[in-house]
mmCIF file of all heavy atoms, coordinates in Angstrom:
data_MODEL
# 
_entry.id   MODEL 
# 
loop_
_atom_site.group_PDB 
_atom_site.id 
_atom_site.type_symbol 
_atom_site.label_atom_id 
_atom_site.label_alt_id 
_atom_site.label_comp_id 
_atom_site.label_asym_id 
_atom_site.label_entity_id 
_atom_site.label_seq_id 
_atom_site.pdbx_PDB_ins_code 
_atom_site.Cartn_x 
_atom_site.Cartn_y 
_atom_site.Cartn_z 
_atom_site.occupancy 
_atom_site.B_iso_or_equiv 
_atom_site.pdbx_formal_charge 
_atom_site.auth_seq_id 
_atom_site.auth_comp_id 
_atom_site.auth_asym_id 
_atom_site.auth_atom_id 
_atom_site.pdbx_PDB_model_num 
ATOM 1   N N   . GLY A 1 1  ? 46.691 37.852 -19.433 1.00 0.00 ? 1  GLY A N   1 
ATOM 2   C CA  . GLY A 1 1  ? 47.859 37.190 -18.869 1.00 0.00 ? 1  GLY A CA  1 
ATOM 3   C C   . GLY A 1 1  ? 48.059 35.753 -19.311 1.00 0.00 ? 1  GLY A C   1 
ATOM 4   O O   . GLY A 1 1  ? 48.838 35.030 -18.702 1.00 0.00 ? 1  GLY A O   1 
ATOM 5   N N   . LEU A 1 2  ? 47.379 35.333 -20.359 1.00 0.00 ? 2  LEU A N   1 
ATOM 6   C CA  . LEU A 1 2  ? 47.555 33.970 -20.849 1.00 0.00 ? 2  LEU A CA  1 
ATOM 7   C C   . LEU A 1 2  ? 48.789 33.917 -21.738 1.00 0.00 ? 2  LEU A C   1 
ATOM 8   O O   . LEU A 1 2  ? 49.000 34.781 -22.575 1.00 0.00 ? 2  LEU A O   1 
ATOM 9   C CB  . LEU A 1 2  ? 46.320 33.529 -21.638 1.00 0.00 ? 2  LEU A CB  1 
ATOM 10  C CG  . LEU A 1 2  ? 45.027 33.449 -20.841 1.00 0.00 ? 2  LEU A CG  1 
ATOM 11  C CD1 . LEU A 1 2  ? 43.860 33.154 -21.770 1.00 0.00 ? 2  LEU A CD1 1 
ATOM 12  C CD2 . LEU A 1 2  ? 45.125 32.391 -19.758 1.00 0.00 ? 2  LEU A CD2 1 
ATOM 13  N N   . GLN A 1 3  ? 49.603 32.903 -21.539 1.00 0.00 ? 3  GLN A N   1 
ATOM 14  C CA  . GLN A 1 3  ? 50.808 32.741 -22.340 1.00 0.00 ? 3  GLN A CA  1 
ATOM 15  C C   . GLN A 1 3  ? 50.465 31.976 -23.618 1.00 0.00 ? 3  GLN A C   1 
ATOM 16  O O   . GLN A 1 3  ? 49.783 30.956 -23.567 1.00 0.00 ? 3  GLN A O   1 
ATOM 17  C CB  . GLN A 1 3  ? 51.878 31.993 -21.553 1.00 0.00 ? 3  GLN A CB  1 
ATOM 18  C CG  . GLN A 1 3  ? 52.377 32.772 -20.355 1.00 0.00 ? 3  GLN A CG  1 
ATOM 19  C CD  . GLN A 1 3  ? 52.946 34.124 -20.777 1.00 0.00 ? 3  GLN A CD  1 
ATOM 20  O OE1 . GLN A 1 3  ? 53.791 34.204 -21.656 1.00 0.00 ? 3  GLN A OE1 1 
ATOM 21  N NE2 . GLN A 1 3  ? 52.475 35.182 -20.153 1.00 0.00 ? 3  GLN A NE2 1 
ATOM 22  N N   . ILE A 1 4  ? 50.949 32.487 -24.723 1.00 0.00 ? 4  ILE A N   1 
ATOM 23  C CA  . ILE A 1 4  ? 50.736 31.848 -26.017 1.00 0.00 ? 4  ILE A CA  1 
ATOM 24  C C   . ILE A 1 4  ? 52.102 31.630 -26.637 1.00 0.00 ? 4  ILE A C   1 
ATOM 25  O O   . ILE A 1 4  ? 52.851 32.580 -26.841 1.00 0.00 ? 4  ILE A O   1 
ATOM 26  C CB  . ILE A 1 4  ? 49.857 32.711 -26.936 1.00 0.00 ? 4  ILE A CB  1 
ATOM 27  C CG1 . ILE A 1 4  ? 48.495 32.947 -26.278 1.00 0.00 ? 4  ILE A CG1 1 
ATOM 28  C CG2 . ILE A 1 4  ? 49.704 32.063 -28.306 1.00 0.00 ? 4  ILE A CG2 1 
ATOM 29  C CD1 . ILE A 1 4  ? 47.613 33.919 -27.023 1.00 0.00 ? 4  ILE A CD1 1 
ATOM 30  N N   . SER A 1 5  ? 52.418 30.375 -26.924 1.00 0.00 ? 5  SER A N   1 
ATOM 31  C CA  . SER A 1 5  ? 53.727 30.085 -27.518 1.00 0.00 ? 5  SER A CA  1 
ATOM 32  C C   . SER A 1 5  ? 53.787 30.652 -28.927 1.00 0.00 ? 5  SER A C   1 
ATOM 33  O O   . SER A 1 5  ? 52.767 30.876 -29.582 1.00 0.00 ? 5  SER A O   1 
ATOM 34  C CB  . SER A 1 5  ? 53.982 28.575 -27.537 1.00 0.00 ? 5  SER A CB  1 
ATOM 35  O OG  . SER A 1 5  ? 53.174 27.961 -28.526 1.00 0.00 ? 5  SER A OG  1 
ATOM 36  N N   . THR A 1 6  ? 55.001 30.854 -29.403 1.00 0.00 ? 6  THR A N   1 
ATOM 37  C CA  . THR A 1 6  ? 55.198 31.330 -30.774 1.00 0.00 ? 6  THR A CA  1 
ATOM 38  C C   . THR A 1 6  ? 54.604 30.330 -31.753 1.00 0.00 ? 6  THR A C   1 
ATOM 39  O O   . THR A 1 6  ? 53.945 30.705 -32.724 1.00 0.00 ? 6  THR A O   1 
ATOM 40  C CB  . THR A 1 6  ? 56.694 31.539 -31.063 1.00 0.00 ? 6  THR A CB  1 
ATOM 41  O OG1 . THR A 1 6  ? 57.192 32.499 -30.138 1.00 0.00 ? 6  THR A OG1 1 
ATOM 42  C CG2 . THR A 1 6  ? 56.932 32.017 -32.477 1.00 0.00 ? 6  THR A CG2 1 
ATOM 43  N N   . ARG A 1 7  ? 54.805 29.042 -31.485 1.00 0.00 ? 7  ARG A N   1 
ATOM 44  C CA  . ARG A 1 7  ? 54.239 28.004 -32.345 1.00 0.00 ? 7  ARG A CA  1 
ATOM 45  C C   . ARG A 1 7  ? 52.727 28.120 -32.394 1.00 0.00 ? 7  ARG A C   1 
ATOM 46  O O   . ARG A 1 7  ? 52.126 28.066 -33.467 1.00 0.00 ? 7  ARG A O   1 
ATOM 47  C CB  . ARG A 1 7  ? 54.632 26.615 -31.857 1.00 0.00 ? 7  ARG A CB  1 
ATOM 48  C CG  . ARG A 1 7  ? 54.004 25.505 -32.698 1.00 0.00 ? 7  ARG A CG  1 
ATOM 49  C CD  . ARG A 1 7  ? 54.068 24.128 -32.023 1.00 0.00 ? 7  ARG A CD  1 
ATOM 50  N NE  . ARG A 1 7  ? 53.379 23.155 -32.819 1.00 0.00 ? 7  ARG A NE  1 
ATOM 51  C CZ  . ARG A 1 7  ? 52.061 22.978 -32.821 1.00 0.00 ? 7  ARG A CZ  1 
ATOM 52  N NH1 . ARG A 1 7  ? 51.290 23.714 -32.067 1.00 0.00 ? 7  ARG A NH1 1 
ATOM 53  N NH2 . ARG A 1 7  ? 51.496 22.059 -33.583 1.00 0.00 ? 7  ARG A NH2 1 
ATOM 54  N N   . ALA A 1 8  ? 52.085 28.284 -31.243 1.00 0.00 ? 8  ALA A N   1 
ATOM 55  C CA  . ALA A 1 8  ? 50.618 28.378 -31.205 1.00 0.00 ? 8  ALA A CA  1 
ATOM 56  C C   . ALA A 1 8  ? 50.136 29.581 -32.001 1.00 0.00 ? 8  ALA A C   1 
ATOM 57  O O   . ALA A 1 8  ? 49.164 29.482 -32.761 1.00 0.00 ? 8  ALA A O   1 
ATOM 58  C CB  . ALA A 1 8  ? 50.131 28.454 -29.761 1.00 0.00 ? 8  ALA A CB  1 
ATOM 59  N N   . ALA A 1 9  ? 50.794 30.716 -31.838 1.00 0.00 ? 9  ALA A N   1 
ATOM 60  C CA  . ALA A 1 9  ? 50.400 31.916 -32.585 1.00 0.00 ? 9  ALA A CA  1 
ATOM 61  C C   . ALA A 1 9  ? 50.543 31.675 -34.088 1.00 0.00 ? 9  ALA A C   1 
ATOM 62  O O   . ALA A 1 9  ? 49.652 32.036 -34.868 1.00 0.00 ? 9  ALA A O   1 
ATOM 63  C CB  . ALA A 1 9  ? 51.231 33.108 -32.145 1.00 0.00 ? 9  ALA A CB  1 
ATOM 64  N N   . ASP A 1 10 ? 51.634 31.040 -34.496 1.00 0.00 ? 10 ASP A N   1 
ATOM 65  C CA  . ASP A 1 10 ? 51.840 30.748 -35.916 1.00 0.00 ? 10 ASP A CA  1 
ATOM 66  C C   . ASP A 1 10 ? 50.768 29.796 -36.442 1.00 0.00 ? 10 ASP A C   1 
ATOM 67  O O   . ASP A 1 10 ? 50.251 29.972 -37.546 1.00 0.00 ? 10 ASP A O   1 
ATOM 68  C CB  . ASP A 1 10 ? 53.223 30.143 -36.156 1.00 0.00 ? 10 ASP A CB  1 
ATOM 69  C CG  . ASP A 1 10 ? 54.353 31.138 -35.956 1.00 0.00 ? 10 ASP A CG  1 
ATOM 70  O OD1 . ASP A 1 10 ? 54.090 32.369 -35.897 1.00 0.00 ? 10 ASP A OD1 1 
ATOM 71  O OD2 . ASP A 1 10 ? 55.515 30.686 -35.838 1.00 0.00 ? 10 ASP A OD2 1 
ATOM 72  N N   . VAL A 1 11 ? 50.434 28.777 -35.658 1.00 0.00 ? 11 VAL A N   1 
ATOM 73  C CA  . VAL A 1 11 ? 49.421 27.810 -36.082 1.00 0.00 ? 11 VAL A CA  1 
ATOM 74  C C   . VAL A 1 11 ? 48.054 28.483 -36.180 1.00 0.00 ? 11 VAL A C   1 
ATOM 75  O O   . VAL A 1 11 ? 47.305 28.244 -37.132 1.00 0.00 ? 11 VAL A O   1 
ATOM 76  C CB  . VAL A 1 11 ? 49.398 26.582 -35.145 1.00 0.00 ? 11 VAL A CB  1 
ATOM 77  C CG1 . VAL A 1 11 ? 48.188 25.692 -35.430 1.00 0.00 ? 11 VAL A CG1 1 
ATOM 78  C CG2 . VAL A 1 11 ? 50.688 25.780 -35.285 1.00 0.00 ? 11 VAL A CG2 1 
ATOM 79  N N   . VAL A 1 12 ? 47.717 29.337 -35.212 1.00 0.00 ? 12 VAL A N   1 
ATOM 80  C CA  . VAL A 1 12 ? 46.435 30.051 -35.278 1.00 0.00 ? 12 VAL A CA  1 
ATOM 81  C C   . VAL A 1 12 ? 46.371 30.890 -36.548 1.00 0.00 ? 12 VAL A C   1 
ATOM 82  O O   . VAL A 1 12 ? 45.356 30.892 -37.260 1.00 0.00 ? 12 VAL A O   1 
ATOM 83  C CB  . VAL A 1 12 ? 46.201 30.922 -34.026 1.00 0.00 ? 12 VAL A CB  1 
ATOM 84  C CG1 . VAL A 1 12 ? 45.039 31.893 -34.231 1.00 0.00 ? 12 VAL A CG1 1 
ATOM 85  C CG2 . VAL A 1 12 ? 45.950 30.041 -32.812 1.00 0.00 ? 12 VAL A CG2 1 
ATOM 86  N N   . MET A 1 13 ? 47.439 31.586 -36.881 1.00 0.00 ? 13 MET A N   1 
ATOM 87  C CA  . MET A 1 13 ? 47.448 32.410 -38.088 1.00 0.00 ? 13 MET A CA  1 
ATOM 88  C C   . MET A 1 13 ? 47.280 31.545 -39.345 1.00 0.00 ? 13 MET A C   1 
ATOM 89  O O   . MET A 1 13 ? 46.551 31.908 -40.272 1.00 0.00 ? 13 MET A O   1 
ATOM 90  C CB  . MET A 1 13 ? 48.736 33.221 -38.168 1.00 0.00 ? 13 MET A CB  1 
ATOM 91  C CG  . MET A 1 13 ? 48.958 34.142 -36.964 1.00 0.00 ? 13 MET A CG  1 
ATOM 92  S SD  . MET A 1 13 ? 47.573 35.215 -36.610 1.00 0.00 ? 13 MET A SD  1 
ATOM 93  C CE  . MET A 1 13 ? 47.800 36.392 -37.901 1.00 0.00 ? 13 MET A CE  1 
ATOM 94  N N   . LEU A 1 14 ? 47.920 30.401 -39.371 1.00 0.00 ? 14 LEU A N   1 
ATOM 95  C CA  . LEU A 1 14 ? 47.789 29.479 -40.494 1.00 0.00 ? 14 LEU A CA  1 
ATOM 96  C C   . LEU A 1 14 ? 46.352 28.974 -40.620 1.00 0.00 ? 14 LEU A C   1 
ATOM 97  O O   . LEU A 1 14 ? 45.772 28.964 -41.710 1.00 0.00 ? 14 LEU A O   1 
ATOM 98  C CB  . LEU A 1 14 ? 48.755 28.303 -40.318 1.00 0.00 ? 14 LEU A CB  1 
ATOM 99  C CG  . LEU A 1 14 ? 48.636 27.163 -41.321 1.00 0.00 ? 14 LEU A CG  1 
ATOM 100 C CD1 . LEU A 1 14 ? 49.063 27.630 -42.711 1.00 0.00 ? 14 LEU A CD1 1 
ATOM 101 C CD2 . LEU A 1 14 ? 49.465 25.988 -40.870 1.00 0.00 ? 14 LEU A CD2 1 
ATOM 102 N N   . VAL A 1 15 ? 45.763 28.566 -39.497 1.00 0.00 ? 15 VAL A N   1 
ATOM 103 C CA  . VAL A 1 15 ? 44.393 28.050 -39.496 1.00 0.00 ? 15 VAL A CA  1 
ATOM 104 C C   . VAL A 1 15 ? 43.415 29.131 -39.951 1.00 0.00 ? 15 VAL A C   1 
ATOM 105 O O   . VAL A 1 15 ? 42.526 28.870 -40.766 1.00 0.00 ? 15 VAL A O   1 
ATOM 106 C CB  . VAL A 1 15 ? 44.025 27.484 -38.105 1.00 0.00 ? 15 VAL A CB  1 
ATOM 107 C CG1 . VAL A 1 15 ? 42.531 27.221 -37.980 1.00 0.00 ? 15 VAL A CG1 1 
ATOM 108 C CG2 . VAL A 1 15 ? 44.828 26.212 -37.823 1.00 0.00 ? 15 VAL A CG2 1 
ATOM 109 N N   . VAL A 1 16 ? 43.576 30.351 -39.446 1.00 0.00 ? 16 VAL A N   1 
ATOM 110 C CA  . VAL A 1 16 ? 42.714 31.457 -39.873 1.00 0.00 ? 16 VAL A CA  1 
ATOM 111 C C   . VAL A 1 16 ? 42.837 31.640 -41.380 1.00 0.00 ? 16 VAL A C   1 
ATOM 112 O O   . VAL A 1 16 ? 41.824 31.743 -42.099 1.00 0.00 ? 16 VAL A O   1 
ATOM 113 C CB  . VAL A 1 16 ? 43.062 32.761 -39.121 1.00 0.00 ? 16 VAL A CB  1 
ATOM 114 C CG1 . VAL A 1 16 ? 42.437 33.980 -39.799 1.00 0.00 ? 16 VAL A CG1 1 
ATOM 115 C CG2 . VAL A 1 16 ? 42.606 32.673 -37.676 1.00 0.00 ? 16 VAL A CG2 1 
ATOM 116 N N   . SER A 1 17 ? 44.047 31.675 -41.897 1.00 0.00 ? 17 SER A N   1 
ATOM 117 C CA  . SER A 1 17 ? 44.251 31.854 -43.340 1.00 0.00 ? 17 SER A CA  1 
ATOM 118 C C   . SER A 1 17 ? 43.553 30.773 -44.151 1.00 0.00 ? 17 SER A C   1 
ATOM 119 O O   . SER A 1 17 ? 42.871 31.062 -45.143 1.00 0.00 ? 17 SER A O   1 
ATOM 120 C CB  . SER A 1 17 ? 45.743 31.837 -43.684 1.00 0.00 ? 17 SER A CB  1 
ATOM 121 O OG  . SER A 1 17 ? 46.373 32.982 -43.202 1.00 0.00 ? 17 SER A OG  1 
ATOM 122 N N   . GLU A 1 18 ? 43.720 29.533 -43.747 1.00 0.00 ? 18 GLU A N   1 
ATOM 123 C CA  . GLU A 1 18 ? 43.150 28.419 -44.511 1.00 0.00 ? 18 GLU A CA  1 
ATOM 124 C C   . GLU A 1 18 ? 41.621 28.401 -44.430 1.00 0.00 ? 18 GLU A C   1 
ATOM 125 O O   . GLU A 1 18 ? 40.951 28.219 -45.452 1.00 0.00 ? 18 GLU A O   1 
ATOM 126 C CB  . GLU A 1 18 ? 43.729 27.080 -44.022 1.00 0.00 ? 18 GLU A CB  1 
ATOM 127 C CG  . GLU A 1 18 ? 45.189 26.897 -44.312 1.00 0.00 ? 18 GLU A CG  1 
ATOM 128 C CD  . GLU A 1 18 ? 45.528 26.884 -45.798 1.00 0.00 ? 18 GLU A CD  1 
ATOM 129 O OE1 . GLU A 1 18 ? 44.666 26.550 -46.631 1.00 0.00 ? 18 GLU A OE1 1 
ATOM 130 O OE2 . GLU A 1 18 ? 46.681 27.231 -46.137 1.00 0.00 ? 18 GLU A OE2 1 
ATOM 131 N N   . LEU A 1 19 ? 41.055 28.581 -43.231 1.00 0.00 ? 19 LEU A N   1 
ATOM 132 C CA  . LEU A 1 19 ? 39.597 28.544 -43.095 1.00 0.00 ? 19 LEU A CA  1 
ATOM 133 C C   . LEU A 1 19 ? 38.935 29.716 -43.814 1.00 0.00 ? 19 LEU A C   1 
ATOM 134 O O   . LEU A 1 19 ? 37.895 29.554 -44.461 1.00 0.00 ? 19 LEU A O   1 
ATOM 135 C CB  . LEU A 1 19 ? 39.185 28.508 -41.624 1.00 0.00 ? 19 LEU A CB  1 
ATOM 136 C CG  . LEU A 1 19 ? 39.531 27.235 -40.859 1.00 0.00 ? 19 LEU A CG  1 
ATOM 137 C CD1 . LEU A 1 19 ? 39.039 27.336 -39.417 1.00 0.00 ? 19 LEU A CD1 1 
ATOM 138 C CD2 . LEU A 1 19 ? 38.958 26.000 -41.543 1.00 0.00 ? 19 LEU A CD2 1 
ATOM 139 N N   . VAL A 1 20 ? 39.528 30.899 -43.709 1.00 0.00 ? 20 VAL A N   1 
ATOM 140 C CA  . VAL A 1 20 ? 38.970 32.076 -44.379 1.00 0.00 ? 20 VAL A CA  1 
ATOM 141 C C   . VAL A 1 20 ? 39.101 31.931 -45.900 1.00 0.00 ? 20 VAL A C   1 
ATOM 142 O O   . VAL A 1 20 ? 38.164 32.250 -46.643 1.00 0.00 ? 20 VAL A O   1 
ATOM 143 C CB  . VAL A 1 20 ? 39.639 33.365 -43.864 1.00 0.00 ? 20 VAL A CB  1 
ATOM 144 C CG1 . VAL A 1 20 ? 39.339 34.555 -44.761 1.00 0.00 ? 20 VAL A CG1 1 
ATOM 145 C CG2 . VAL A 1 20 ? 39.188 33.644 -42.442 1.00 0.00 ? 20 VAL A CG2 1 
ATOM 146 N N   . THR A 1 21 ? 40.215 31.409 -46.358 1.00 0.00 ? 21 THR A N   1 
ATOM 147 C CA  . THR A 1 21 ? 40.386 31.177 -47.794 1.00 0.00 ? 21 THR A CA  1 
ATOM 148 C C   . THR A 1 21 ? 39.307 30.228 -48.310 1.00 0.00 ? 21 THR A C   1 
ATOM 149 O O   . THR A 1 21 ? 38.701 30.466 -49.361 1.00 0.00 ? 21 THR A O   1 
ATOM 150 C CB  . THR A 1 21 ? 41.786 30.608 -48.097 1.00 0.00 ? 21 THR A CB  1 
ATOM 151 O OG1 . THR A 1 21 ? 42.762 31.575 -47.710 1.00 0.00 ? 21 THR A OG1 1 
ATOM 152 C CG2 . THR A 1 21 ? 41.951 30.258 -49.568 1.00 0.00 ? 21 THR A CG2 1 
ATOM 153 N N   . ASN A 1 22 ? 39.035 29.156 -47.566 1.00 0.00 ? 22 ASN A N   1 
ATOM 154 C CA  . ASN A 1 22 ? 37.998 28.210 -47.983 1.00 0.00 ? 22 ASN A CA  1 
ATOM 155 C C   . ASN A 1 22 ? 36.627 28.879 -48.020 1.00 0.00 ? 22 ASN A C   1 
ATOM 156 O O   . ASN A 1 22 ? 35.855 28.661 -48.963 1.00 0.00 ? 22 ASN A O   1 
ATOM 157 C CB  . ASN A 1 22 ? 37.965 26.993 -47.059 1.00 0.00 ? 22 ASN A CB  1 
ATOM 158 C CG  . ASN A 1 22 ? 39.130 26.058 -47.321 1.00 0.00 ? 22 ASN A CG  1 
ATOM 159 O OD1 . ASN A 1 22 ? 39.859 26.204 -48.295 1.00 0.00 ? 22 ASN A OD1 1 
ATOM 160 N ND2 . ASN A 1 22 ? 39.313 25.098 -46.433 1.00 0.00 ? 22 ASN A ND2 1 
ATOM 161 N N   . ALA A 1 23 ? 36.310 29.676 -47.007 1.00 0.00 ? 23 ALA A N   1 
ATOM 162 C CA  . ALA A 1 23 ? 35.008 30.361 -46.983 1.00 0.00 ? 23 ALA A CA  1 
ATOM 163 C C   . ALA A 1 23 ? 34.881 31.302 -48.172 1.00 0.00 ? 23 ALA A C   1 
ATOM 164 O O   . ALA A 1 23 ? 33.846 31.342 -48.843 1.00 0.00 ? 23 ALA A O   1 
ATOM 165 C CB  . ALA A 1 23 ? 34.829 31.117 -45.671 1.00 0.00 ? 23 ALA A CB  1 
ATOM 166 N N   . ARG A 1 24 ? 35.910 32.051 -48.448 1.00 0.00 ? 24 ARG A N   1 
ATOM 167 C CA  . ARG A 1 24 ? 35.869 33.003 -49.570 1.00 0.00 ? 24 ARG A CA  1 
ATOM 168 C C   . ARG A 1 24 ? 35.789 32.287 -50.910 1.00 0.00 ? 24 ARG A C   1 
ATOM 169 O O   . ARG A 1 24 ? 35.166 32.776 -51.839 1.00 0.00 ? 24 ARG A O   1 
ATOM 170 C CB  . ARG A 1 24 ? 37.096 33.898 -49.543 1.00 0.00 ? 24 ARG A CB  1 
ATOM 171 C CG  . ARG A 1 24 ? 37.051 34.912 -48.419 1.00 0.00 ? 24 ARG A CG  1 
ATOM 172 C CD  . ARG A 1 24 ? 38.171 35.855 -48.518 1.00 0.00 ? 24 ARG A CD  1 
ATOM 173 N NE  . ARG A 1 24 ? 38.252 36.361 -49.897 1.00 0.00 ? 24 ARG A NE  1 
ATOM 174 C CZ  . ARG A 1 24 ? 38.750 37.510 -50.236 1.00 0.00 ? 24 ARG A CZ  1 
ATOM 175 N NH1 . ARG A 1 24 ? 39.221 38.301 -49.312 1.00 0.00 ? 24 ARG A NH1 1 
ATOM 176 N NH2 . ARG A 1 24 ? 38.806 37.897 -51.485 1.00 0.00 ? 24 ARG A NH2 1 
ATOM 177 N N   . THR A 1 25 ? 36.434 31.146 -51.012 1.00 0.00 ? 25 THR A N   1 
ATOM 178 C CA  . THR A 1 25 ? 36.483 30.421 -52.278 1.00 0.00 ? 25 THR A CA  1 
ATOM 179 C C   . THR A 1 25 ? 35.193 29.659 -52.570 1.00 0.00 ? 25 THR A C   1 
ATOM 180 O O   . THR A 1 25 ? 34.741 29.610 -53.705 1.00 0.00 ? 25 THR A O   1 
ATOM 181 C CB  . THR A 1 25 ? 37.664 29.422 -52.271 1.00 0.00 ? 25 THR A CB  1 
ATOM 182 O OG1 . THR A 1 25 ? 38.866 30.150 -52.037 1.00 0.00 ? 25 THR A OG1 1 
ATOM 183 C CG2 . THR A 1 25 ? 37.776 28.667 -53.581 1.00 0.00 ? 25 THR A CG2 1 
ATOM 184 N N   . HIS A 1 26 ? 34.586 29.073 -51.531 1.00 0.00 ? 26 HIS A N   1 
ATOM 185 C CA  . HIS A 1 26 ? 33.494 28.125 -51.746 1.00 0.00 ? 26 HIS A CA  1 
ATOM 186 C C   . HIS A 1 26 ? 32.118 28.603 -51.311 1.00 0.00 ? 26 HIS A C   1 
ATOM 187 O O   . HIS A 1 26 ? 31.141 27.899 -51.557 1.00 0.00 ? 26 HIS A O   1 
ATOM 188 C CB  . HIS A 1 26 ? 33.816 26.803 -51.042 1.00 0.00 ? 26 HIS A CB  1 
ATOM 189 C CG  . HIS A 1 26 ? 35.085 26.186 -51.523 1.00 0.00 ? 26 HIS A CG  1 
ATOM 190 N ND1 . HIS A 1 26 ? 35.232 25.644 -52.783 1.00 0.00 ? 26 HIS A ND1 1 
ATOM 191 C CD2 . HIS A 1 26 ? 36.296 26.048 -50.930 1.00 0.00 ? 26 HIS A CD2 1 
ATOM 192 C CE1 . HIS A 1 26 ? 36.464 25.191 -52.931 1.00 0.00 ? 26 HIS A CE1 1 
ATOM 193 N NE2 . HIS A 1 26 ? 37.127 25.419 -51.823 1.00 0.00 ? 26 HIS A NE2 1 
ATOM 194 N N   . ALA A 1 27 ? 32.018 29.744 -50.669 1.00 0.00 ? 27 ALA A N   1 
ATOM 195 C CA  . ALA A 1 27 ? 30.706 30.190 -50.179 1.00 0.00 ? 27 ALA A CA  1 
ATOM 196 C C   . ALA A 1 27 ? 30.425 31.613 -50.648 1.00 0.00 ? 27 ALA A C   1 
ATOM 197 O O   . ALA A 1 27 ? 31.305 32.470 -50.579 1.00 0.00 ? 27 ALA A O   1 
ATOM 198 C CB  . ALA A 1 27 ? 30.666 30.128 -48.659 1.00 0.00 ? 27 ALA A CB  1 
ATOM 199 N N   . PRO A 1 28 ? 29.211 31.859 -51.093 1.00 0.00 ? 28 PRO A N   1 
ATOM 200 C CA  . PRO A 1 28 ? 28.872 33.227 -51.492 1.00 0.00 ? 28 PRO A CA  1 
ATOM 201 C C   . PRO A 1 28 ? 28.612 34.099 -50.267 1.00 0.00 ? 28 PRO A C   1 
ATOM 202 O O   . PRO A 1 28 ? 28.189 33.615 -49.230 1.00 0.00 ? 28 PRO A O   1 
ATOM 203 C CB  . PRO A 1 28 ? 27.588 33.039 -52.300 1.00 0.00 ? 28 PRO A CB  1 
ATOM 204 C CG  . PRO A 1 28 ? 26.963 31.820 -51.710 1.00 0.00 ? 28 PRO A CG  1 
ATOM 205 C CD  . PRO A 1 28 ? 28.111 30.935 -51.292 1.00 0.00 ? 28 PRO A CD  1 
# 
């Protein structure tokens, strides 16, 4: 029942993409 704004959901998706991209690019 927690409300998540559209902006928050979009930002979370962006952050996940960027952090995962960095892990895949720079760490074995």
